Amino acid sequence: MVTKLLMAGSALRVGDKAPDFEVTSSAGRTLRLRDLLGKKNVVLYFYPGDFTPICTKETCGFRDMLASLGSETTEIIGVSADSDESHRRFASEHNVPFDLVADERRELAKAYGATGFLRDILGKVARKTFVIDKQGRIAAILEGELRASKHVDGVRDALRRLS
């Protein structure tokens, strides 16, 4: 659930300050970008839906990557328009150790440009991943609908550059 959001004015680019947000994860945890600044890099990924083949592969790829990176330096947050209940089932079934956020009104997705005309009609968000550095700047943006590996590998490369 999105509770507070500072909107971006235009399309986001690498080097831009990431829009701040305050959301509640499906596990009930309050997440604020400003609370992570100076402490962790953030991977904020938007995906169309729980339990779909590509989204499941992407989420499990991030899960496995986090295990090798260590959660001390990286916070991964997955966002879709699915409900909290769907996220809880999805996380449980796939042993997802990071937070998933139900953005049912797509407010966070709109702030990050992870929407579009067709996605809005379908009530979904676009597959779009942001790597945000510890200073709150966007270090990488990955887009692609059909290749989960593009996002997982791109995030891994971006995080290596930030180390």
N, C-alpha and C. Protein backbone atom coordinates (compact mmCIF):
# COMPACT_ATOMS: atom_id res chain seq x y z
N MET A 1 0.84 -1.17 0.00
CA MET A 1 0.00 0.00 0.00
C MET A 1 0.88 1.24 0.00
N VAL A 2 0.60 2.15 -0.90
CA VAL A 2 1.35 3.39 -0.99
C VAL A 2 0.69 4.40 -0.06
N THR A 3 1.45 4.94 0.87
CA THR A 3 0.88 5.90 1.82
C THR A 3 1.35 7.32 1.59
N LYS A 4 2.55 7.50 1.08
CA LYS A 4 3.05 8.84 0.84
C LYS A 4 4.08 8.77 -0.27
N LEU A 5 4.02 9.74 -1.16
CA LEU A 5 4.88 9.71 -2.30
C LEU A 5 5.20 11.12 -2.74
N LEU A 6 6.45 11.38 -3.03
CA LEU A 6 6.83 12.66 -3.62
C LEU A 6 7.00 12.41 -5.11
N MET A 7 6.17 13.03 -5.92
CA MET A 7 6.09 12.73 -7.34
C MET A 7 7.28 13.30 -8.12
N ALA A 8 7.67 12.56 -9.14
CA ALA A 8 8.69 13.02 -10.07
C ALA A 8 8.01 13.91 -11.11
N GLY A 9 8.72 14.89 -11.61
CA GLY A 9 8.13 15.82 -12.55
C GLY A 9 8.10 15.32 -13.98
N SER A 10 9.08 14.51 -14.39
CA SER A 10 9.13 14.03 -15.77
C SER A 10 9.80 12.66 -15.78
N ALA A 11 10.05 12.15 -16.98
CA ALA A 11 10.66 10.83 -17.11
C ALA A 11 11.99 10.79 -16.35
N LEU A 12 12.18 9.75 -15.59
CA LEU A 12 13.40 9.60 -14.81
C LEU A 12 14.55 9.08 -15.67
N ARG A 13 15.76 9.55 -15.34
CA ARG A 13 16.96 9.13 -16.05
C ARG A 13 18.04 8.76 -15.06
N VAL A 14 19.01 8.01 -15.53
CA VAL A 14 20.17 7.69 -14.71
C VAL A 14 20.81 9.00 -14.26
N GLY A 15 21.13 9.08 -12.98
CA GLY A 15 21.72 10.30 -12.40
C GLY A 15 20.71 11.17 -11.69
N ASP A 16 19.41 11.00 -11.99
CA ASP A 16 18.36 11.78 -11.32
C ASP A 16 18.21 11.34 -9.88
N LYS A 17 17.73 12.25 -9.08
CA LYS A 17 17.35 11.90 -7.70
C LYS A 17 16.08 11.06 -7.79
N ALA A 18 16.07 9.94 -7.10
CA ALA A 18 14.90 9.05 -7.11
C ALA A 18 13.78 9.67 -6.30
N PRO A 19 12.54 9.57 -6.77
CA PRO A 19 11.41 10.08 -5.97
C PRO A 19 11.32 9.35 -4.63
N ASP A 20 11.16 10.12 -3.58
CA ASP A 20 10.99 9.52 -2.26
C ASP A 20 9.63 8.86 -2.20
N PHE A 21 9.50 7.87 -1.35
CA PHE A 21 8.22 7.19 -1.18
C PHE A 21 8.12 6.67 0.24
N GLU A 22 6.89 6.45 0.64
CA GLU A 22 6.59 5.75 1.88
C GLU A 22 5.50 4.77 1.56
N VAL A 23 5.80 3.49 1.71
CA VAL A 23 4.86 2.42 1.37
C VAL A 23 4.83 1.41 2.51
N THR A 24 3.78 0.64 2.53
CA THR A 24 3.67 -0.47 3.48
C THR A 24 3.73 -1.75 2.68
N SER A 25 4.66 -2.62 3.04
CA SER A 25 4.80 -3.88 2.30
C SER A 25 3.67 -4.83 2.67
N SER A 26 3.56 -5.89 1.91
CA SER A 26 2.54 -6.90 2.18
C SER A 26 2.78 -7.61 3.50
N ALA A 27 3.99 -7.51 4.02
CA ALA A 27 4.31 -8.08 5.33
C ALA A 27 4.05 -7.09 6.46
N GLY A 28 3.56 -5.89 6.11
CA GLY A 28 3.23 -4.88 7.12
C GLY A 28 4.38 -3.96 7.50
N ARG A 29 5.48 -4.05 6.81
CA ARG A 29 6.66 -3.22 7.10
C ARG A 29 6.56 -1.88 6.36
N THR A 30 6.83 -0.78 7.05
CA THR A 30 6.86 0.54 6.42
C THR A 30 8.23 0.74 5.79
N LEU A 31 8.22 1.10 4.52
CA LEU A 31 9.45 1.32 3.76
C LEU A 31 9.48 2.76 3.29
N ARG A 32 10.57 3.45 3.60
CA ARG A 32 10.77 4.83 3.15
C ARG A 32 12.14 4.90 2.49
N LEU A 33 12.18 5.45 1.29
CA LEU A 33 13.47 5.58 0.63
C LEU A 33 14.42 6.41 1.48
N ARG A 34 13.93 7.49 2.06
CA ARG A 34 14.79 8.37 2.86
C ARG A 34 15.44 7.65 4.04
N ASP A 35 14.78 6.61 4.57
CA ASP A 35 15.36 5.85 5.69
C ASP A 35 16.52 4.97 5.25
N LEU A 36 16.59 4.66 3.97
CA LEU A 36 17.64 3.78 3.45
C LEU A 36 18.85 4.56 2.95
N LEU A 37 18.67 5.85 2.72
CA LEU A 37 19.77 6.67 2.19
C LEU A 37 20.96 6.64 3.13
N GLY A 38 22.13 6.53 2.53
CA GLY A 38 23.36 6.47 3.30
C GLY A 38 23.65 5.10 3.87
N LYS A 39 22.68 4.18 3.78
CA LYS A 39 22.84 2.85 4.37
C LYS A 39 22.88 1.73 3.34
N LYS A 40 21.95 1.80 2.39
CA LYS A 40 21.81 0.69 1.43
C LYS A 40 21.54 1.21 0.03
N ASN A 41 21.99 0.44 -0.96
CA ASN A 41 21.53 0.62 -2.32
C ASN A 41 20.14 -0.01 -2.38
N VAL A 42 19.29 0.51 -3.23
CA VAL A 42 17.92 0.01 -3.33
C VAL A 42 17.65 -0.48 -4.75
N VAL A 43 17.11 -1.67 -4.84
CA VAL A 43 16.61 -2.19 -6.11
C VAL A 43 15.10 -2.13 -6.01
N LEU A 44 14.51 -1.25 -6.78
CA LEU A 44 13.06 -1.07 -6.81
C LEU A 44 12.60 -1.60 -8.16
N TYR A 45 11.93 -2.76 -8.12
CA TYR A 45 11.51 -3.34 -9.40
C TYR A 45 10.00 -3.47 -9.46
N PHE A 46 9.49 -3.09 -10.62
CA PHE A 46 8.06 -3.16 -10.92
C PHE A 46 7.86 -4.34 -11.85
N TYR A 47 6.81 -5.12 -11.57
CA TYR A 47 6.55 -6.30 -12.39
C TYR A 47 5.05 -6.47 -12.57
N PRO A 48 4.63 -7.02 -13.72
CA PRO A 48 3.20 -7.10 -14.02
C PRO A 48 2.35 -7.94 -13.07
N GLY A 49 2.85 -9.09 -12.59
CA GLY A 49 1.97 -9.88 -11.73
C GLY A 49 2.62 -11.08 -11.07
N ASP A 50 2.13 -11.37 -9.88
CA ASP A 50 2.56 -12.57 -9.15
C ASP A 50 2.18 -13.82 -9.93
N PHE A 51 2.98 -14.86 -9.78
CA PHE A 51 2.71 -16.20 -10.31
C PHE A 51 2.75 -16.31 -11.83
N THR A 52 3.15 -15.26 -12.54
CA THR A 52 3.32 -15.39 -13.98
C THR A 52 4.74 -15.88 -14.24
N PRO A 53 4.97 -16.60 -15.33
CA PRO A 53 6.28 -17.22 -15.53
C PRO A 53 7.47 -16.25 -15.49
N ILE A 54 7.40 -15.16 -16.24
CA ILE A 54 8.54 -14.24 -16.30
C ILE A 54 8.72 -13.51 -14.97
N CYS A 55 7.63 -13.08 -14.36
CA CYS A 55 7.72 -12.37 -13.08
C CYS A 55 8.25 -13.29 -11.98
N THR A 56 7.86 -14.55 -12.01
CA THR A 56 8.36 -15.51 -11.02
C THR A 56 9.85 -15.72 -11.22
N LYS A 57 10.28 -15.87 -12.46
CA LYS A 57 11.70 -16.05 -12.75
C LYS A 57 12.50 -14.82 -12.30
N GLU A 58 11.98 -13.65 -12.58
CA GLU A 58 12.65 -12.41 -12.18
C GLU A 58 12.77 -12.31 -10.66
N THR A 59 11.67 -12.54 -9.96
CA THR A 59 11.66 -12.45 -8.50
C THR A 59 12.61 -13.48 -7.88
N CYS A 60 12.59 -14.70 -8.39
CA CYS A 60 13.49 -15.73 -7.87
C CYS A 60 14.95 -15.40 -8.20
N GLY A 61 15.18 -14.76 -9.34
CA GLY A 61 16.53 -14.31 -9.68
C GLY A 61 17.03 -13.27 -8.70
N PHE A 62 16.17 -12.32 -8.33
CA PHE A 62 16.55 -11.32 -7.32
C PHE A 62 16.75 -11.98 -5.96
N ARG A 63 15.90 -12.94 -5.63
CA ARG A 63 16.05 -13.67 -4.37
C ARG A 63 17.42 -14.33 -4.28
N ASP A 64 17.80 -15.03 -5.35
CA ASP A 64 19.07 -15.73 -5.37
C ASP A 64 20.25 -14.75 -5.37
N MET A 65 20.09 -13.64 -6.07
CA MET A 65 21.15 -12.63 -6.11
C MET A 65 21.34 -12.01 -4.73
N LEU A 66 20.27 -11.74 -4.03
CA LEU A 66 20.37 -11.13 -2.70
C LEU A 66 21.13 -12.04 -1.75
N ALA A 67 20.92 -13.33 -1.88
CA ALA A 67 21.63 -14.29 -1.03
C ALA A 67 23.14 -14.18 -1.24
N SER A 68 23.56 -13.94 -2.48
CA SER A 68 25.00 -13.84 -2.75
C SER A 68 25.55 -12.46 -2.41
N LEU A 69 24.72 -11.42 -2.49
CA LEU A 69 25.17 -10.06 -2.20
C LEU A 69 25.21 -9.77 -0.71
N GLY A 70 24.22 -10.28 -0.01
CA GLY A 70 24.06 -9.95 1.40
C GLY A 70 23.11 -8.77 1.53
N SER A 71 22.16 -8.90 2.42
CA SER A 71 21.13 -7.86 2.56
C SER A 71 21.62 -6.65 3.35
N GLU A 72 22.87 -6.68 3.83
CA GLU A 72 23.39 -5.54 4.60
C GLU A 72 23.61 -4.32 3.71
N THR A 73 23.88 -4.54 2.42
CA THR A 73 24.19 -3.42 1.55
C THR A 73 23.13 -3.14 0.49
N THR A 74 22.16 -4.03 0.37
CA THR A 74 21.15 -3.88 -0.69
C THR A 74 19.76 -4.20 -0.16
N GLU A 75 18.82 -3.33 -0.47
CA GLU A 75 17.40 -3.53 -0.15
C GLU A 75 16.68 -3.75 -1.48
N ILE A 76 15.99 -4.87 -1.61
CA ILE A 76 15.21 -5.14 -2.81
C ILE A 76 13.74 -4.99 -2.45
N ILE A 77 13.02 -4.27 -3.31
CA ILE A 77 11.59 -4.05 -3.10
C ILE A 77 10.88 -4.34 -4.43
N GLY A 78 9.97 -5.31 -4.41
CA GLY A 78 9.19 -5.63 -5.60
C GLY A 78 7.83 -4.96 -5.52
N VAL A 79 7.36 -4.46 -6.66
CA VAL A 79 6.10 -3.71 -6.69
C VAL A 79 5.24 -4.19 -7.86
N SER A 80 3.99 -4.53 -7.57
CA SER A 80 3.02 -4.81 -8.63
C SER A 80 1.65 -4.33 -8.15
N ALA A 81 0.69 -4.40 -9.03
CA ALA A 81 -0.67 -3.98 -8.68
C ALA A 81 -1.45 -5.10 -7.99
N ASP A 82 -0.82 -6.24 -7.78
CA ASP A 82 -1.49 -7.34 -7.09
C ASP A 82 -1.75 -6.99 -5.62
N SER A 83 -2.67 -7.70 -5.02
CA SER A 83 -3.07 -7.44 -3.63
C SER A 83 -2.02 -7.92 -2.64
N ASP A 84 -2.13 -7.44 -1.41
CA ASP A 84 -1.25 -7.90 -0.34
C ASP A 84 -1.37 -9.41 -0.16
N GLU A 85 -2.58 -9.94 -0.22
CA GLU A 85 -2.78 -11.38 -0.04
C GLU A 85 -2.07 -12.17 -1.14
N SER A 86 -2.17 -11.72 -2.39
CA SER A 86 -1.47 -12.37 -3.48
C SER A 86 0.04 -12.33 -3.24
N HIS A 87 0.54 -11.18 -2.82
CA HIS A 87 1.98 -11.05 -2.53
C HIS A 87 2.42 -12.00 -1.41
N ARG A 88 1.61 -12.12 -0.38
CA ARG A 88 1.98 -13.01 0.73
C ARG A 88 2.06 -14.47 0.25
N ARG A 89 1.10 -14.88 -0.56
CA ARG A 89 1.12 -16.25 -1.10
C ARG A 89 2.32 -16.46 -2.01
N PHE A 90 2.57 -15.48 -2.87
CA PHE A 90 3.69 -15.53 -3.81
C PHE A 90 5.02 -15.62 -3.06
N ALA A 91 5.19 -14.75 -2.06
CA ALA A 91 6.43 -14.74 -1.26
C ALA A 91 6.61 -16.06 -0.53
N SER A 92 5.55 -16.58 0.03
CA SER A 92 5.62 -17.84 0.76
C SER A 92 5.98 -19.00 -0.15
N GLU A 93 5.32 -19.08 -1.30
CA GLU A 93 5.54 -20.19 -2.22
C GLU A 93 6.95 -20.19 -2.81
N HIS A 94 7.54 -19.00 -2.98
CA HIS A 94 8.85 -18.90 -3.63
C HIS A 94 9.97 -18.45 -2.68
N ASN A 95 9.68 -18.48 -1.37
CA ASN A 95 10.69 -18.12 -0.37
C ASN A 95 11.34 -16.77 -0.65
N VAL A 96 10.52 -15.77 -0.90
CA VAL A 96 11.01 -14.42 -1.20
C VAL A 96 11.34 -13.73 0.12
N PRO A 97 12.61 -13.37 0.33
CA PRO A 97 13.03 -12.80 1.61
C PRO A 97 12.92 -11.28 1.68
N PHE A 98 12.53 -10.65 0.59
CA PHE A 98 12.44 -9.18 0.58
C PHE A 98 10.98 -8.75 0.46
N ASP A 99 10.78 -7.45 0.61
CA ASP A 99 9.42 -6.92 0.65
C ASP A 99 8.79 -6.80 -0.74
N LEU A 100 7.50 -7.11 -0.78
CA LEU A 100 6.67 -6.89 -1.96
C LEU A 100 5.60 -5.87 -1.58
N VAL A 101 5.32 -4.96 -2.50
CA VAL A 101 4.38 -3.87 -2.23
C VAL A 101 3.20 -3.96 -3.19
N ALA A 102 2.00 -3.88 -2.63
CA ALA A 102 0.77 -3.84 -3.42
C ALA A 102 0.49 -2.39 -3.82
N ASP A 103 0.69 -2.08 -5.07
CA ASP A 103 0.48 -0.73 -5.61
C ASP A 103 -0.79 -0.78 -6.47
N GLU A 104 -1.90 -1.09 -5.81
CA GLU A 104 -3.14 -1.36 -6.54
C GLU A 104 -3.65 -0.16 -7.33
N ARG A 105 -3.36 1.04 -6.87
CA ARG A 105 -3.77 2.25 -7.62
C ARG A 105 -2.62 2.74 -8.51
N ARG A 106 -1.53 2.02 -8.51
CA ARG A 106 -0.36 2.30 -9.35
C ARG A 106 0.24 3.69 -9.13
N GLU A 107 0.15 4.19 -7.90
CA GLU A 107 0.71 5.51 -7.58
C GLU A 107 2.23 5.51 -7.63
N LEU A 108 2.86 4.51 -7.02
CA LEU A 108 4.31 4.42 -7.04
C LEU A 108 4.79 4.15 -8.46
N ALA A 109 4.11 3.30 -9.17
CA ALA A 109 4.47 3.00 -10.56
C ALA A 109 4.40 4.26 -11.41
N LYS A 110 3.41 5.08 -11.22
CA LYS A 110 3.31 6.33 -11.99
C LYS A 110 4.46 7.27 -11.66
N ALA A 111 4.83 7.36 -10.41
CA ALA A 111 5.93 8.25 -10.01
C ALA A 111 7.25 7.82 -10.64
N TYR A 112 7.39 6.52 -10.89
CA TYR A 112 8.62 6.00 -11.47
C TYR A 112 8.49 5.70 -12.96
N GLY A 113 7.37 6.05 -13.57
CA GLY A 113 7.20 5.85 -15.01
C GLY A 113 7.04 4.40 -15.41
N ALA A 114 6.51 3.58 -14.52
CA ALA A 114 6.31 2.16 -14.81
C ALA A 114 4.85 1.87 -15.16
N THR A 115 4.25 2.79 -15.90
CA THR A 115 2.88 2.62 -16.36
C THR A 115 2.81 3.01 -17.83
N GLY A 116 1.67 2.91 -18.38
CA GLY A 116 1.44 3.31 -19.76
C GLY A 116 -0.01 3.08 -20.09
N PHE A 117 -0.42 3.54 -21.23
CA PHE A 117 -1.82 3.48 -21.61
C PHE A 117 -2.38 2.07 -21.52
N LEU A 118 -1.73 1.11 -22.18
CA LEU A 118 -2.23 -0.26 -22.18
C LEU A 118 -2.16 -0.87 -20.78
N ARG A 119 -1.08 -0.61 -20.06
CA ARG A 119 -0.95 -1.13 -18.69
C ARG A 119 -2.05 -0.57 -17.80
N ASP A 120 -2.38 0.69 -17.97
CA ASP A 120 -3.44 1.29 -17.16
C ASP A 120 -4.79 0.63 -17.45
N ILE A 121 -5.06 0.35 -18.70
CA ILE A 121 -6.31 -0.32 -19.07
C ILE A 121 -6.37 -1.71 -18.44
N LEU A 122 -5.25 -2.41 -18.45
CA LEU A 122 -5.20 -3.77 -17.90
C LEU A 122 -5.05 -3.79 -16.38
N GLY A 123 -4.80 -2.63 -15.77
CA GLY A 123 -4.62 -2.56 -14.33
C GLY A 123 -3.30 -3.15 -13.86
N LYS A 124 -2.29 -3.09 -14.71
CA LYS A 124 -0.97 -3.67 -14.42
C LYS A 124 0.09 -2.57 -14.42
N VAL A 125 1.29 -2.95 -14.01
CA VAL A 125 2.43 -2.05 -14.13
C VAL A 125 3.40 -2.67 -15.13
N ALA A 126 4.28 -1.85 -15.67
CA ALA A 126 5.28 -2.32 -16.63
C ALA A 126 6.45 -2.95 -15.89
N ARG A 127 7.17 -3.81 -16.58
CA ARG A 127 8.39 -4.39 -16.01
C ARG A 127 9.48 -3.34 -16.16
N LYS A 128 9.87 -2.77 -15.03
CA LYS A 128 10.88 -1.71 -15.03
C LYS A 128 11.61 -1.77 -13.70
N THR A 129 12.93 -1.73 -13.75
CA THR A 129 13.75 -1.87 -12.55
C THR A 129 14.67 -0.67 -12.39
N PHE A 130 14.74 -0.18 -11.16
CA PHE A 130 15.61 0.94 -10.83
C PHE A 130 16.61 0.50 -9.78
N VAL A 131 17.87 0.83 -10.00
CA VAL A 131 18.89 0.68 -8.98
C VAL A 131 19.18 2.08 -8.47
N ILE A 132 19.00 2.26 -7.18
CA ILE A 132 19.16 3.57 -6.54
C ILE A 132 20.35 3.47 -5.59
N ASP A 133 21.30 4.38 -5.74
CA ASP A 133 22.50 4.31 -4.90
C ASP A 133 22.22 4.85 -3.50
N LYS A 134 23.20 4.75 -2.64
CA LYS A 134 23.03 5.15 -1.24
C LYS A 134 22.78 6.64 -1.06
N GLN A 135 23.08 7.42 -2.09
CA GLN A 135 22.82 8.86 -2.03
C GLN A 135 21.44 9.22 -2.59
N GLY A 136 20.70 8.21 -3.06
CA GLY A 136 19.36 8.44 -3.58
C GLY A 136 19.31 8.79 -5.05
N ARG A 137 20.40 8.56 -5.75
CA ARG A 137 20.46 8.82 -7.20
C ARG A 137 20.21 7.52 -7.96
N ILE A 138 19.56 7.64 -9.10
CA ILE A 138 19.30 6.47 -9.93
C ILE A 138 20.59 6.08 -10.65
N ALA A 139 21.06 4.88 -10.37
CA ALA A 139 22.31 4.38 -10.94
C ALA A 139 22.06 3.55 -12.20
N ALA A 140 20.88 2.97 -12.33
CA ALA A 140 20.55 2.16 -13.51
C ALA A 140 19.04 2.05 -13.64
N ILE A 141 18.59 2.00 -14.88
CA ILE A 141 17.18 1.75 -15.20
C ILE A 141 17.17 0.63 -16.23
N LEU A 142 16.40 -0.41 -15.95
CA LEU A 142 16.30 -1.55 -16.85
C LEU A 142 14.85 -1.72 -17.27
N GLU A 143 14.64 -1.88 -18.56
CA GLU A 143 13.30 -2.08 -19.08
C GLU A 143 13.31 -3.29 -20.00
N GLY A 144 12.23 -4.01 -20.01
CA GLY A 144 12.12 -5.16 -20.90
C GLY A 144 11.00 -6.05 -20.43
N GLU A 145 10.20 -6.48 -21.34
CA GLU A 145 9.01 -7.23 -20.98
C GLU A 145 9.19 -8.73 -20.93
N LEU A 146 10.07 -9.29 -21.73
CA LEU A 146 10.08 -10.74 -21.87
C LEU A 146 11.33 -11.43 -21.38
N ARG A 147 12.30 -10.70 -20.85
CA ARG A 147 13.53 -11.33 -20.39
C ARG A 147 13.83 -10.92 -18.95
N ALA A 148 13.50 -11.80 -18.02
CA ALA A 148 13.79 -11.53 -16.61
C ALA A 148 15.29 -11.42 -16.38
N SER A 149 16.07 -12.18 -17.11
CA SER A 149 17.52 -12.18 -16.92
C SER A 149 18.13 -10.82 -17.23
N LYS A 150 17.52 -10.07 -18.13
CA LYS A 150 18.02 -8.72 -18.44
C LYS A 150 18.00 -7.86 -17.18
N HIS A 151 16.97 -7.98 -16.38
CA HIS A 151 16.86 -7.20 -15.16
C HIS A 151 17.80 -7.71 -14.07
N VAL A 152 17.83 -9.01 -13.87
CA VAL A 152 18.67 -9.59 -12.82
C VAL A 152 20.14 -9.33 -13.12
N ASP A 153 20.57 -9.61 -14.35
CA ASP A 153 21.97 -9.39 -14.71
C ASP A 153 22.32 -7.90 -14.69
N GLY A 154 21.41 -7.06 -15.15
CA GLY A 154 21.65 -5.62 -15.15
C GLY A 154 21.79 -5.06 -13.74
N VAL A 155 20.97 -5.55 -12.83
CA VAL A 155 21.06 -5.12 -11.43
C VAL A 155 22.38 -5.58 -10.83
N ARG A 156 22.75 -6.81 -11.08
CA ARG A 156 24.02 -7.33 -10.55
C ARG A 156 25.19 -6.46 -11.02
N ASP A 157 25.20 -6.13 -12.33
CA ASP A 157 26.28 -5.29 -12.88
C ASP A 157 26.27 -3.89 -12.25
N ALA A 158 25.10 -3.31 -12.10
CA ALA A 158 25.00 -1.96 -11.52
C ALA A 158 25.47 -1.97 -10.07
N LEU A 159 25.09 -2.98 -9.31
CA LEU A 159 25.50 -3.05 -7.91
C LEU A 159 27.01 -3.26 -7.78
N ARG A 160 27.60 -4.02 -8.70
CA ARG A 160 29.06 -4.18 -8.70
C ARG A 160 29.75 -2.83 -8.92
N ARG A 161 29.21 -2.03 -9.83
CA ARG A 161 29.80 -0.71 -10.08
C ARG A 161 29.69 0.20 -8.86
N LEU A 162 28.67 -0.01 -8.05
CA LEU A 162 28.48 0.83 -6.86
C LEU A 162 29.33 0.39 -5.69
N SER A 163 29.88 -0.81 -5.74
CA SER A 163 30.67 -1.34 -4.61
C SER A 163 31.96 -0.59 -4.44
